[in-house]
Amino acid sequence: MSGTRLLLGFVGFMFYASQYGDRRYLFGPDSVLPWGEFVTKVHDNGTFSLYTLSSSDLWFEVVFHVGMLAALAVTCGVGGRISLAVHWALLWSIYQRQPVLLDGGDNLAYVVLPMLLLTRCYDRFAFPTGVARRVAQRIPSVLRSLSVPVHNLGILAVATQMCLVYVVSGLYKVQGKMWQDGTALFYILRVSEFSLPGVSDLVYNNDILVFLGTYSTTIFLVYFPLGILVPRLRPWAAVASIGFHLAIGVLMGLTSFALTMMACDLIFLSGALGTALQRCSQAARRLRSSRRPSHEQSGTEPHPAAGADRNVPEPAAATPSAT
């Protein structure tokens, strides 16, 4: 969960950073989407955005830079759940301001970030300030005992959401004619927005790769939840999913979507990663103990000094009274 929080914060920060030079043109009051039209769309959709509160350039700059700092704080693990909630509100606001730039990962981030508030996603990869610990000490023990089941509830919510994403996506693909006849990958990689020059043509010009890529994608998406339900198959299903979305990010250029999906896939690797880390630490301890020199050897006598008389008799044992 800590890795999920870190990657989602990184995706949000890179969204701000990648558009920083053109922020006024894309998100400002006088952008390609005029402020008045933007406010009307937000009200018609029944949603919200902090950028609708004012049309001044100062307000835009403040909200934009605060959102960028909040995303960086979530990435670095600073501020705890407060910074995570602020990041969610500001990320929602910036996504609503210019929906043309979105690639689908925003839909999952909308849902998963509130679920992370239930989990202990700041236990790792974070810079604790001690404030949360002092606040937790003042909370009654009865409420503190609920932290574990609430954490598990958050993990279950994220896992359920991921399974729904995979199943629904797979079932939609099954209904498509191009996915049924095994040619969907050919048409996808020929779209200029979703192609990687010099690589995509090598794939869509090969009938076998197109056939295998199309059908394996559909089968994987539909049966992914079954692999998650089996504990022994769970890490392999998660690794396959990460590799699948890594290929999407490289070949199709959907980096934000790919990283968001990979961040949520990390929750299925928690047990496998814990076991791997435990085995690595045990192997490291055994390696250190095998290399450690033994300075004390029981049952051995020191060698006599050079030139010493080997015929000198042993001294008499001390009497009890002398002892």
C-alpha atoms as a PDB file:
ATOM      1  CA  MET A   1       0.000   0.000   0.000  1.00  0.00           C
ATOM      2  CA  SER A   2       2.906   2.343   0.618  1.00  0.00           C
ATOM      3  CA  GLY A   3       4.208   1.648  -2.872  1.00  0.00           C
ATOM      4  CA  THR A   4       0.735   2.313  -4.281  1.00  0.00           C
ATOM      5  CA  ARG A   5       0.589   5.660  -2.494  1.00  0.00           C
ATOM      6  CA  LEU A   6       4.070   6.593  -3.692  1.00  0.00           C
ATOM      7  CA  LEU A   7       3.388   5.766  -7.347  1.00  0.00           C
ATOM      8  CA  LEU A   8       0.008   7.510  -7.405  1.00  0.00           C
ATOM      9  CA  GLY A   9       1.585  10.619  -5.925  1.00  0.00           C
ATOM     10  CA  PHE A  10       4.361  10.422  -8.515  1.00  0.00           C
ATOM     11  CA  VAL A  11       1.834  10.182 -11.369  1.00  0.00           C
ATOM     12  CA  GLY A  12       0.053  13.278 -10.077  1.00  0.00           C
ATOM     13  CA  PHE A  13       3.305  15.198  -9.655  1.00  0.00           C
ATOM     14  CA  MET A  14       4.468  14.316 -13.169  1.00  0.00           C
ATOM     15  CA  PHE A  15       1.135  15.524 -14.553  1.00  0.00           C
ATOM     16  CA  TYR A  16       1.809  18.929 -13.016  1.00  0.00           C
ATOM     17  CA  ALA A  17       5.490  18.950 -13.973  1.00  0.00           C
ATOM     18  CA  SER A  18       4.984  17.853 -17.581  1.00  0.00           C
ATOM     19  CA  GLN A  19       2.488  20.665 -18.205  1.00  0.00           C
ATOM     20  CA  TYR A  20       4.226  23.298 -16.095  1.00  0.00           C
ATOM     21  CA  GLY A  21       5.554  25.395 -18.965  1.00  0.00           C
ATOM     22  CA  ASP A  22       2.136  25.498 -20.674  1.00  0.00           C
ATOM     23  CA  ARG A  23       0.046  25.672 -17.492  1.00  0.00           C
ATOM     24  CA  ARG A  24      -1.569  29.027 -18.321  1.00  0.00           C
ATOM     25  CA  TYR A  25      -2.367  27.962 -21.867  1.00  0.00           C
ATOM     26  CA  LEU A  26      -3.910  24.654 -20.706  1.00  0.00           C
ATOM     27  CA  PHE A  27      -5.400  25.424 -17.289  1.00  0.00           C
ATOM     28  CA  GLY A  28      -5.375  29.197 -16.799  1.00  0.00           C
ATOM     29  CA  PRO A  29      -8.404  31.520 -16.851  1.00  0.00           C
ATOM     30  CA  ASP A  30      -7.646  32.474 -20.474  1.00  0.00           C
ATOM     31  CA  SER A  31      -6.747  28.955 -21.635  1.00  0.00           C
ATOM     32  CA  VAL A  32      -7.983  27.068 -24.688  1.00  0.00           C
ATOM     33  CA  LEU A  33     -11.024  26.155 -22.564  1.00  0.00           C
ATOM     34  CA  PRO A  34     -12.346  29.579 -21.432  1.00  0.00           C
ATOM     35  CA  TRP A  35     -13.120  29.942 -17.753  1.00  0.00           C
ATOM     36  CA  GLY A  36     -16.817  30.670 -18.272  1.00  0.00           C
ATOM     37  CA  GLU A  37     -17.351  27.618 -20.446  1.00  0.00           C
ATOM     38  CA  PHE A  38     -15.390  25.511 -17.964  1.00  0.00           C
ATOM     39  CA  VAL A  39     -17.572  26.644 -15.050  1.00  0.00           C
ATOM     40  CA  THR A  40     -20.711  25.837 -17.027  1.00  0.00           C
ATOM     41  CA  LYS A  41     -19.479  22.315 -17.808  1.00  0.00           C
ATOM     42  CA  VAL A  42     -18.578  21.661 -14.179  1.00  0.00           C
ATOM     43  CA  HIS A  43     -22.026  22.751 -12.996  1.00  0.00           C
ATOM     44  CA  ASP A  44     -23.762  20.710 -15.704  1.00  0.00           C
ATOM     45  CA  ASN A  45     -21.810  17.598 -14.694  1.00  0.00           C
ATOM     46  CA  GLY A  46     -22.653  18.108 -11.031  1.00  0.00           C
ATOM     47  CA  THR A  47     -19.029  17.956  -9.933  1.00  0.00           C
ATOM     48  CA  PHE A  48     -16.603  20.461  -8.435  1.00  0.00           C
ATOM     49  CA  SER A  49     -13.250  22.076  -9.103  1.00  0.00           C
ATOM     50  CA  LEU A  50     -11.321  24.590  -7.038  1.00  0.00           C
ATOM     51  CA  TYR A  51     -10.463  26.424 -10.244  1.00  0.00           C
ATOM     52  CA  THR A  52     -14.105  27.541 -10.532  1.00  0.00           C
ATOM     53  CA  LEU A  53     -13.915  29.704  -7.402  1.00  0.00           C
ATOM     54  CA  SER A  54     -12.148  32.595  -9.101  1.00  0.00           C
ATOM     55  CA  SER A  55     -11.030  33.681 -12.557  1.00  0.00           C
ATOM     56  CA  SER A  56      -7.981  35.582 -11.345  1.00  0.00           C
ATOM     57  CA  ASP A  57      -4.481  34.598 -12.394  1.00  0.00           C
ATOM     58  CA  LEU A  58      -3.292  34.744  -8.776  1.00  0.00           C
ATOM     59  CA  TRP A  59      -5.868  32.190  -7.629  1.00  0.00           C
ATOM     60  CA  PHE A  60      -4.941  29.888 -10.497  1.00  0.00           C
ATOM     61  CA  GLU A  61      -1.225  30.068  -9.692  1.00  0.00           C
ATOM     62  CA  VAL A  62      -1.825  29.413  -6.001  1.00  0.00           C
ATOM     63  CA  VAL A  63      -4.093  26.401  -6.559  1.00  0.00           C
ATOM     64  CA  PHE A  64      -1.816  24.948  -9.242  1.00  0.00           C
ATOM     65  CA  HIS A  65       1.378  25.213  -7.181  1.00  0.00           C
ATOM     66  CA  VAL A  66      -0.284  23.981  -3.987  1.00  0.00           C
ATOM     67  CA  GLY A  67      -1.517  20.955  -5.928  1.00  0.00           C
ATOM     68  CA  MET A  68       1.975  20.322  -7.248  1.00  0.00           C
ATOM     69  CA  LEU A  69       3.450  20.517  -3.738  1.00  0.00           C
ATOM     70  CA  ALA A  70       0.716  18.233  -2.367  1.00  0.00           C
ATOM     71  CA  ALA A  71       1.507  15.617  -5.028  1.00  0.00           C
ATOM     72  CA  LEU A  72       5.199  15.842  -4.138  1.00  0.00           C
ATOM     73  CA  ALA A  73       4.376  15.467  -0.436  1.00  0.00           C
ATOM     74  CA  VAL A  74       2.354  12.313  -1.121  1.00  0.00           C
ATOM     75  CA  THR A  75       5.206  10.918  -3.209  1.00  0.00           C
ATOM     76  CA  CYS A  76       7.781  11.577  -0.489  1.00  0.00           C
ATOM     77  CA  GLY A  77       5.485  10.422   2.322  1.00  0.00           C
ATOM     78  CA  VAL A  78       5.134  13.763   4.117  1.00  0.00           C
ATOM     79  CA  GLY A  79       1.972  14.974   5.797  1.00  0.00           C
ATOM     80  CA  GLY A  80       0.155  11.684   6.216  1.00  0.00           C
ATOM     81  CA  ARG A  81      -3.511  11.322   5.359  1.00  0.00           C
ATOM     82  CA  ILE A  82      -4.067  15.085   5.435  1.00  0.00           C
ATOM     83  CA  SER A  83      -1.736  15.640   2.487  1.00  0.00           C
ATOM     84  CA  LEU A  84      -3.297  12.630   0.734  1.00  0.00           C
ATOM     85  CA  ALA A  85      -6.794  14.121   1.063  1.00  0.00           C
ATOM     86  CA  VAL A  86      -5.565  17.525  -0.144  1.00  0.00           C
ATOM     87  CA  HIS A  87      -3.821  15.885  -3.084  1.00  0.00           C
ATOM     88  CA  TRP A  88      -7.026  14.069  -4.056  1.00  0.00           C
ATOM     89  CA  ALA A  89      -9.111  17.270  -4.019  1.00  0.00           C
ATOM     90  CA  LEU A  90      -6.548  19.248  -6.021  1.00  0.00           C
ATOM     91  CA  LEU A  91      -5.937  16.425  -8.488  1.00  0.00           C
ATOM     92  CA  TRP A  92      -9.666  16.121  -9.109  1.00  0.00           C
ATOM     93  CA  SER A  93      -9.774  19.871  -9.683  1.00  0.00           C
ATOM     94  CA  ILE A  94      -6.945  19.939 -12.234  1.00  0.00           C
ATOM     95  CA  TYR A  95      -8.340  16.922 -14.081  1.00  0.00           C
ATOM     96  CA  GLN A  96     -11.741  18.620 -14.363  1.00  0.00           C
ATOM     97  CA  ARG A  97     -10.095  21.780 -15.643  1.00  0.00           C
ATOM     98  CA  GLN A  98      -8.729  20.113 -18.803  1.00  0.00           C
ATOM     99  CA  PRO A  99     -10.218  16.639 -19.431  1.00  0.00           C
ATOM    100  CA  VAL A 100      -8.781  16.483 -22.968  1.00  0.00           C
ATOM    101  CA  LEU A 101      -5.337  15.587 -21.582  1.00  0.00           C
ATOM    102  CA  LEU A 102      -6.531  12.539 -19.639  1.00  0.00           C
ATOM    103  CA  ASP A 103      -5.797   8.957 -20.725  1.00  0.00           C
ATOM    104  CA  GLY A 104      -8.023   6.899 -18.428  1.00  0.00           C
ATOM    105  CA  GLY A 105      -5.762   6.588 -15.397  1.00  0.00           C
ATOM    106  CA  ASP A 106      -7.569   9.517 -13.810  1.00  0.00           C
ATOM    107  CA  ASN A 107     -10.762   7.466 -13.421  1.00  0.00           C
ATOM    108  CA  LEU A 108      -8.964   4.897 -11.288  1.00  0.00           C
ATOM    109  CA  ALA A 109      -7.100   7.560  -9.296  1.00  0.00           C
ATOM    110  CA  TYR A 110     -10.427   9.230  -8.446  1.00  0.00           C
ATOM    111  CA  VAL A 111     -11.649   6.043  -6.783  1.00  0.00           C
ATOM    112  CA  VAL A 112      -8.466   4.582  -5.270  1.00  0.00           C
ATOM    113  CA  LEU A 113      -7.081   7.672  -3.508  1.00  0.00           C
ATOM    114  CA  PRO A 114     -10.026   7.908  -1.046  1.00  0.00           C
ATOM    115  CA  MET A 115      -9.621   4.193  -0.364  1.00  0.00           C
ATOM    116  CA  LEU A 116      -5.981   4.752   0.570  1.00  0.00           C
ATOM    117  CA  LEU A 117      -7.167   6.992   3.404  1.00  0.00           C
ATOM    118  CA  LEU A 118      -8.380   3.832   5.153  1.00  0.00           C
ATOM    119  CA  THR A 119      -5.027   2.060   4.913  1.00  0.00           C
ATOM    120  CA  ARG A 120      -1.678   2.449   6.644  1.00  0.00           C
ATOM    121  CA  CYS A 121      -0.043   3.531   3.408  1.00  0.00           C
ATOM    122  CA  TYR A 122       2.531   5.663   5.232  1.00  0.00           C
ATOM    123  CA  ASP A 123       4.232   2.811   7.089  1.00  0.00           C
ATOM    124  CA  ARG A 124       6.963   2.563   4.440  1.00  0.00           C
ATOM    125  CA  PHE A 125       8.682   4.997   2.053  1.00  0.00           C
ATOM    126  CA  ALA A 126       7.761   7.956   4.247  1.00  0.00           C
ATOM    127  CA  PHE A 127       9.346  10.636   6.427  1.00  0.00           C
ATOM    128  CA  PRO A 128       7.497  10.461   9.765  1.00  0.00           C
ATOM    129  CA  THR A 129       7.312  13.752  11.641  1.00  0.00           C
ATOM    130  CA  GLY A 130       6.010  12.278  14.910  1.00  0.00           C
ATOM    131  CA  VAL A 131       2.777  14.285  14.812  1.00  0.00           C
ATOM    132  CA  ALA A 132       0.669  11.299  13.830  1.00  0.00           C
ATOM    133  CA  ARG A 133       2.215   9.220  16.607  1.00  0.00           C
ATOM    134  CA  ARG A 134       1.413  11.862  19.216  1.00  0.00           C
ATOM    135  CA  VAL A 135      -2.124  12.198  17.931  1.00  0.00           C
ATOM    136  CA  ALA A 136      -2.592   8.421  17.931  1.00  0.00           C
ATOM    137  CA  GLN A 137      -1.545   8.233  21.576  1.00  0.00           C
ATOM    138  CA  ARG A 138      -4.450  10.479  22.534  1.00  0.00           C
ATOM    139  CA  ILE A 139      -6.986   8.328  20.707  1.00  0.00           C
ATOM    140  CA  PRO A 140      -8.789   5.790  22.932  1.00  0.00           C
ATOM    141  CA  SER A 141      -7.471   2.263  22.704  1.00  0.00           C
ATOM    142  CA  VAL A 142     -10.854   0.991  21.515  1.00  0.00           C
ATOM    143  CA  LEU A 143     -10.661   3.171  18.418  1.00  0.00           C
ATOM    144  CA  ARG A 144      -6.996   2.373  17.854  1.00  0.00           C
ATOM    145  CA  SER A 145      -7.827  -1.324  17.763  1.00  0.00           C
ATOM    146  CA  LEU A 146      -9.952  -0.659  14.682  1.00  0.00           C
ATOM    147  CA  SER A 147      -6.928   0.392  12.619  1.00  0.00           C
ATOM    148  CA  VAL A 148      -6.175  -3.155  11.449  1.00  0.00           C
ATOM    149  CA  PRO A 149      -9.705  -4.066  10.224  1.00  0.00           C
ATOM    150  CA  VAL A 150     -10.094  -0.626   8.617  1.00  0.00           C
ATOM    151  CA  HIS A 151      -6.737  -1.110   6.884  1.00  0.00           C
ATOM    152  CA  ASN A 152      -7.846  -4.518   5.620  1.00  0.00           C
ATOM    153  CA  LEU A 153     -11.127  -2.997   4.450  1.00  0.00           C
ATOM    154  CA  GLY A 154      -9.203  -0.449   2.386  1.00  0.00           C
ATOM    155  CA  ILE A 155      -7.089  -3.186   0.791  1.00  0.00           C
ATOM    156  CA  LEU A 156     -10.206  -5.215   0.000  1.00  0.00           C
ATOM    157  CA  ALA A 157     -11.847  -2.158  -1.571  1.00  0.00           C
ATOM    158  CA  VAL A 158      -8.860  -1.500  -3.833  1.00  0.00           C
ATOM    159  CA  ALA A 159      -8.623  -5.177  -4.806  1.00  0.00           C
ATOM    160  CA  THR A 160     -12.338  -5.313  -5.628  1.00  0.00           C
ATOM    161  CA  GLN A 161     -12.074  -2.158  -7.709  1.00  0.00           C
ATOM    162  CA  MET A 162      -9.140  -3.589  -9.668  1.00  0.00           C
ATOM    163  CA  CYS A 163     -10.988  -6.833 -10.375  1.00  0.00           C
ATOM    164  CA  LEU A 164     -14.000  -4.850 -11.630  1.00  0.00           C
ATOM    165  CA  VAL A 165     -11.770  -2.815 -13.929  1.00  0.00           C
ATOM    166  CA  TYR A 166     -10.250  -5.947 -15.463  1.00  0.00           C
ATOM    167  CA  VAL A 167     -13.502  -7.890 -15.836  1.00  0.00           C
ATOM    168  CA  VAL A 168     -15.508  -5.013 -17.301  1.00  0.00           C
ATOM    169  CA  SER A 169     -12.703  -4.130 -19.710  1.00  0.00           C
ATOM    170  CA  GLY A 170     -12.381  -7.747 -20.801  1.00  0.00           C
ATOM    171  CA  LEU A 171     -16.126  -8.215 -21.306  1.00  0.00           C
ATOM    172  CA  TYR A 172     -16.339  -5.071 -23.407  1.00  0.00           C
ATOM    173  CA  LYS A 173     -13.515  -6.367 -25.585  1.00  0.00           C
ATOM    174  CA  VAL A 174     -15.195  -9.745 -26.023  1.00  0.00           C
ATOM    175  CA  GLN A 175     -18.191  -8.014 -27.599  1.00  0.00           C
ATOM    176  CA  GLY A 176     -16.047  -6.237 -30.204  1.00  0.00           C
ATOM    177  CA  LYS A 177     -15.704  -7.777 -33.657  1.00  0.00           C
ATOM    178  CA  MET A 178     -12.016  -6.881 -34.028  1.00  0.00           C
ATOM    179  CA  TRP A 179     -11.249  -8.545 -30.686  1.00  0.00           C
ATOM    180  CA  GLN A 180     -13.201 -11.622 -31.722  1.00  0.00           C
ATOM    181  CA  ASP A 181     -11.340 -12.123 -34.991  1.00  0.00           C
ATOM    182  CA  GLY A 182      -7.928 -11.327 -33.435  1.00  0.00           C
ATOM    183  CA  THR A 183      -7.103  -8.140 -35.349  1.00  0.00           C
ATOM    184  CA  ALA A 184      -7.692  -5.432 -32.720  1.00  0.00           C
ATOM    185  CA  LEU A 185      -4.013  -4.951 -31.927  1.00  0.00           C
ATOM    186  CA  PHE A 186      -3.310  -4.294 -35.605  1.00  0.00           C
ATOM    187  CA  TYR A 187      -5.696  -1.334 -35.739  1.00  0.00           C
ATOM    188  CA  ILE A 188      -4.728   0.055 -32.323  1.00  0.00           C
ATOM    189  CA  LEU A 189      -1.017   0.269 -33.056  1.00  0.00           C
ATOM    190  CA  ARG A 190      -1.664   1.978 -36.398  1.00  0.00           C
ATOM    191  CA  VAL A 191      -3.271   4.987 -34.680  1.00  0.00           C
ATOM    192  CA  SER A 192      -0.677   7.764 -34.589  1.00  0.00           C
ATOM    193  CA  GLU A 193      -1.508   8.704 -30.990  1.00  0.00           C
ATOM    194  CA  PHE A 194      -0.924   5.139 -29.763  1.00  0.00           C
ATOM    195  CA  SER A 195       2.150   4.098 -31.756  1.00  0.00           C
ATOM    196  CA  LEU A 196       5.849   3.966 -31.051  1.00  0.00           C
ATOM    197  CA  PRO A 197       7.843   4.708 -34.227  1.00  0.00           C
ATOM    198  CA  GLY A 198      10.145   1.902 -35.239  1.00  0.00           C
ATOM    199  CA  VAL A 199       8.565  -0.614 -32.858  1.00  0.00           C
ATOM    200  CA  SER A 200       4.813  -0.613 -33.431  1.00  0.00           C
ATOM    201  CA  ASP A 201       5.220  -1.428 -37.124  1.00  0.00           C
ATOM    202  CA  LEU A 202       7.273  -4.492 -36.221  1.00  0.00           C
ATOM    203  CA  VAL A 203       4.318  -5.747 -34.187  1.00  0.00           C
ATOM    204  CA  TYR A 204       1.367  -4.994 -36.466  1.00  0.00           C
ATOM    205  CA  ASN A 205       3.213  -6.304 -39.518  1.00  0.00           C
ATOM    206  CA  ASN A 206       3.562  -9.717 -37.853  1.00  0.00           C
ATOM    207  CA  ASP A 207       0.339 -11.740 -37.999  1.00  0.00           C
ATOM    208  CA  ILE A 208       1.380 -14.081 -35.197  1.00  0.00           C
ATOM    209  CA  LEU A 209       2.179 -11.242 -32.772  1.00  0.00           C
ATOM    210  CA  VAL A 210      -1.102  -9.492 -33.573  1.00  0.00           C
ATOM    211  CA  PHE A 211      -3.074 -12.709 -33.091  1.00  0.00           C
ATOM    212  CA  LEU A 212      -1.366 -13.630 -29.821  1.00  0.00           C
ATOM    213  CA  GLY A 213      -1.459 -10.086 -28.463  1.00  0.00           C
ATOM    214  CA  THR A 214      -5.171  -9.633 -29.160  1.00  0.00           C
ATOM    215  CA  TYR A 215      -6.408 -12.926 -27.734  1.00  0.00           C
ATOM    216  CA  SER A 216      -3.996 -13.028 -24.786  1.00  0.00           C
ATOM    217  CA  THR A 217      -5.140  -9.537 -23.756  1.00  0.00           C
ATOM    218  CA  THR A 218      -8.799 -10.552 -23.730  1.00  0.00           C
ATOM    219  CA  ILE A 219      -8.200 -13.823 -21.902  1.00  0.00           C
ATOM    220  CA  PHE A 220      -5.961 -12.152 -19.328  1.00  0.00           C
ATOM    221  CA  LEU A 221      -8.453  -9.382 -18.542  1.00  0.00           C
ATOM    222  CA  VAL A 222     -11.425 -11.712 -18.172  1.00  0.00           C
ATOM    223  CA  TYR A 223      -9.690 -14.313 -16.010  1.00  0.00           C
ATOM    224  CA  PHE A 224      -7.514 -11.979 -13.917  1.00  0.00           C
ATOM    225  CA  PRO A 225      -9.810 -12.175 -10.835  1.00  0.00           C
ATOM    226  CA  LEU A 226      -9.537 -15.973 -10.835  1.00  0.00           C
ATOM    227  CA  GLY A 227      -5.767 -15.696 -10.609  1.00  0.00           C
ATOM    228  CA  ILE A 228      -6.102 -13.263  -7.732  1.00  0.00           C
ATOM    229  CA  LEU A 229      -8.386 -15.597  -5.767  1.00  0.00           C
ATOM    230  CA  VAL A 230      -5.783 -18.399  -5.810  1.00  0.00           C
ATOM    231  CA  PRO A 231      -2.954 -17.478  -3.392  1.00  0.00           C
ATOM    232  CA  ARG A 232      -0.256 -19.327  -5.339  1.00  0.00           C
ATOM    233  CA  LEU A 233      -1.280 -17.678  -8.615  1.00  0.00           C
ATOM    234  CA  ARG A 234      -1.752 -14.209  -7.127  1.00  0.00           C
ATOM    235  CA  PRO A 235       1.841 -12.924  -7.435  1.00  0.00           C
ATOM    236  CA  TRP A 236       2.154 -14.326 -10.954  1.00  0.00           C
ATOM    237  CA  ALA A 237      -1.084 -12.645 -12.003  1.00  0.00           C
ATOM    238  CA  ALA A 238       0.160  -9.362 -10.542  1.00  0.00           C
ATOM    239  CA  VAL A 239       3.520  -9.661 -12.318  1.00  0.00           C
ATOM    240  CA  ALA A 240       1.746 -10.437 -15.595  1.00  0.00           C
ATOM    241  CA  SER A 241      -0.486  -7.408 -15.120  1.00  0.00           C
ATOM    242  CA  ILE A 242       2.485  -5.141 -14.409  1.00  0.00           C
ATOM    243  CA  GLY A 243       4.248  -6.412 -17.524  1.00  0.00           C
ATOM    244  CA  PHE A 244       1.060  -5.948 -19.541  1.00  0.00           C
ATOM    245  CA  HIS A 245       0.684  -2.309 -18.525  1.00  0.00           C
ATOM    246  CA  LEU A 246       4.391  -1.675 -18.900  1.00  0.00           C
ATOM    247  CA  ALA A 247       4.017  -2.711 -22.532  1.00  0.00           C
ATOM    248  CA  ILE A 248       1.024  -0.371 -22.869  1.00  0.00           C
ATOM    249  CA  GLY A 249       3.035   2.510 -21.451  1.00  0.00           C
ATOM    250  CA  VAL A 250       5.948   1.904 -23.832  1.00  0.00           C
ATOM    251  CA  LEU A 251       4.167   0.898 -27.031  1.00  0.00           C
ATOM    252  CA  MET A 252       1.090   3.133 -26.785  1.00  0.00           C
ATOM    253  CA  GLY A 253       2.471   6.061 -24.796  1.00  0.00           C
ATOM    254  CA  LEU A 254      -0.225   5.858 -22.085  1.00  0.00           C
ATOM    255  CA  THR A 255       2.275   6.328 -19.287  1.00  0.00           C
ATOM    256  CA  SER A 256      -0.097   7.875 -16.736  1.00  0.00           C
ATOM    257  CA  PHE A 257      -2.656   5.103 -17.199  1.00  0.00           C
ATOM    258  CA  ALA A 258       0.013   2.402 -17.127  1.00  0.00           C
ATOM    259  CA  LEU A 259       1.667   3.703 -13.946  1.00  0.00           C
ATOM    260  CA  THR A 260      -1.695   4.081 -12.190  1.00  0.00           C
ATOM    261  CA  MET A 261      -2.640   0.488 -12.975  1.00  0.00           C
ATOM    262  CA  MET A 262       0.796  -0.765 -11.959  1.00  0.00           C
ATOM    263  CA  ALA A 263       0.544   1.128  -8.684  1.00  0.00           C
ATOM    264  CA  CYS A 264      -2.715  -0.602  -7.828  1.00  0.00           C
ATOM    265  CA  ASP A 265      -1.350  -3.993  -8.911  1.00  0.00           C
ATOM    266  CA  LEU A 266       1.293  -3.720  -6.190  1.00  0.00           C
ATOM    267  CA  ILE A 267      -1.256  -4.633  -3.507  1.00  0.00           C
ATOM    268  CA  PHE A 268      -1.411  -8.167  -4.905  1.00  0.00           C
ATOM    269  CA  LEU A 269       2.360  -8.528  -4.482  1.00  0.00           C
ATOM    270  CA  SER A 270       2.372  -7.652  -0.786  1.00  0.00           C
ATOM    271  CA  GLY A 271       2.611 -11.225   0.503  1.00  0.00           C
ATOM    272  CA  ALA A 272       5.128 -12.310  -2.125  1.00  0.00           C
ATOM    273  CA  LEU A 273       7.320  -9.276  -1.501  1.00  0.00           C
ATOM    274  CA  GLY A 274       7.200  -9.837   2.251  1.00  0.00           C
ATOM    275  CA  THR A 275       8.246 -13.458   1.846  1.00  0.00           C
ATOM    276  CA  ALA A 276      11.022 -12.518  -0.592  1.00  0.00           C
ATOM    277  CA  LEU A 277      12.379  -9.832   1.739  1.00  0.00           C
ATOM    278  CA  GLN A 278      12.312 -12.237   4.681  1.00  0.00           C
ATOM    279  CA  ARG A 279      14.226 -14.880   2.744  1.00  0.00           C
ATOM    280  CA  CYS A 280      16.757 -12.325   1.524  1.00  0.00           C
ATOM    281  CA  SER A 281      17.369 -11.082   5.071  1.00  0.00           C
ATOM    282  CA  GLN A 282      17.803 -14.667   6.324  1.00  0.00           C
ATOM    283  CA  ALA A 283      20.254 -15.431   3.515  1.00  0.00           C
ATOM    284  CA  ALA A 284      22.184 -12.250   4.294  1.00  0.00           C
ATOM    285  CA  ARG A 285      22.421 -13.196   7.971  1.00  0.00           C
ATOM    286  CA  ARG A 286      23.663 -16.690   7.106  1.00  0.00           C
ATOM    287  CA  LEU A 287      26.220 -15.213   4.743  1.00  0.00           C
ATOM    288  CA  ARG A 288      27.499 -12.810   7.393  1.00  0.00           C
ATOM    289  CA  SER A 289      27.682 -15.560  10.014  1.00  0.00           C
ATOM    290  CA  SER A 290      29.639 -17.846   7.664  1.00  0.00           C
ATOM    291  CA  ARG A 291      32.189 -15.117   6.952  1.00  0.00           C
ATOM    292  CA  ARG A 292      32.563 -14.086  10.582  1.00  0.00           C
ATOM    293  CA  PRO A 293      35.986 -15.315  11.961  1.00  0.00           C
ATOM    294  CA  SER A 294      35.855 -17.406  15.129  1.00  0.00           C
ATOM    295  CA  HIS A 295      38.274 -15.794  17.593  1.00  0.00           C
ATOM    296  CA  GLU A 296      37.508 -18.224  20.385  1.00  0.00           C
ATOM    297  CA  GLN A 297      37.949 -21.956  19.851  1.00  0.00           C
ATOM    298  CA  SER A 298      36.872 -24.118  22.710  1.00  0.00           C
ATOM    299  CA  GLY A 299      39.007 -27.143  23.651  1.00  0.00           C
ATOM    300  CA  THR A 300      42.274 -25.893  22.087  1.00  0.00           C
ATOM    301  CA  GLU A 301      45.448 -24.738  23.803  1.00  0.00           C
ATOM    302  CA  PRO A 302      47.584 -21.819  22.734  1.00  0.00           C
ATOM    303  CA  HIS A 303      50.824 -22.633  20.905  1.00  0.00           C
ATOM    304  CA  PRO A 304      53.993 -22.256  22.987  1.00  0.00           C
ATOM    305  CA  ALA A 305      56.045 -19.190  22.417  1.00  0.00           C
ATOM    306  CA  ALA A 306      59.067 -19.419  20.143  1.00  0.00           C
ATOM    307  CA  GLY A 307      62.209 -20.550  22.027  1.00  0.00           C
ATOM    308  CA  ALA A 308      60.306 -21.549  25.136  1.00  0.00           C
ATOM    309  CA  ASP A 309      61.493 -24.620  27.063  1.00  0.00           C
ATOM    310  CA  ARG A 310      59.012 -27.387  26.328  1.00  0.00           C
ATOM    311  CA  ASN A 311      60.378 -29.437  29.343  1.00  0.00           C
ATOM    312  CA  VAL A 312      59.338 -26.955  32.013  1.00  0.00           C
ATOM    313  CA  PRO A 313      56.938 -28.768  34.344  1.00  0.00           C
ATOM    314  CA  GLU A 314      53.416 -27.519  34.782  1.00  0.00           C
ATOM    315  CA  PRO A 315      52.767 -25.438  37.904  1.00  0.00           C
ATOM    316  CA  ALA A 316      50.970 -27.108  40.778  1.00  0.00           C
ATOM    317  CA  ALA A 317      47.275 -26.600  41.078  1.00  0.00           C
ATOM    318  CA  ALA A 318      46.167 -23.940  43.532  1.00  0.00           C
ATOM    319  CA  THR A 319      44.790 -25.140  46.864  1.00  0.00           C
ATOM    320  CA  PRO A 320      41.286 -24.231  47.915  1.00  0.00           C
ATOM    321  CA  SER A 321      42.628 -21.976  50.683  1.00  0.00           C
ATOM    322  CA  ALA A 322      44.855 -20.065  48.233  1.00  0.00           C
ATOM    323  CA  THR A 323      41.945 -19.724  45.884  1.00  0.00           C
END
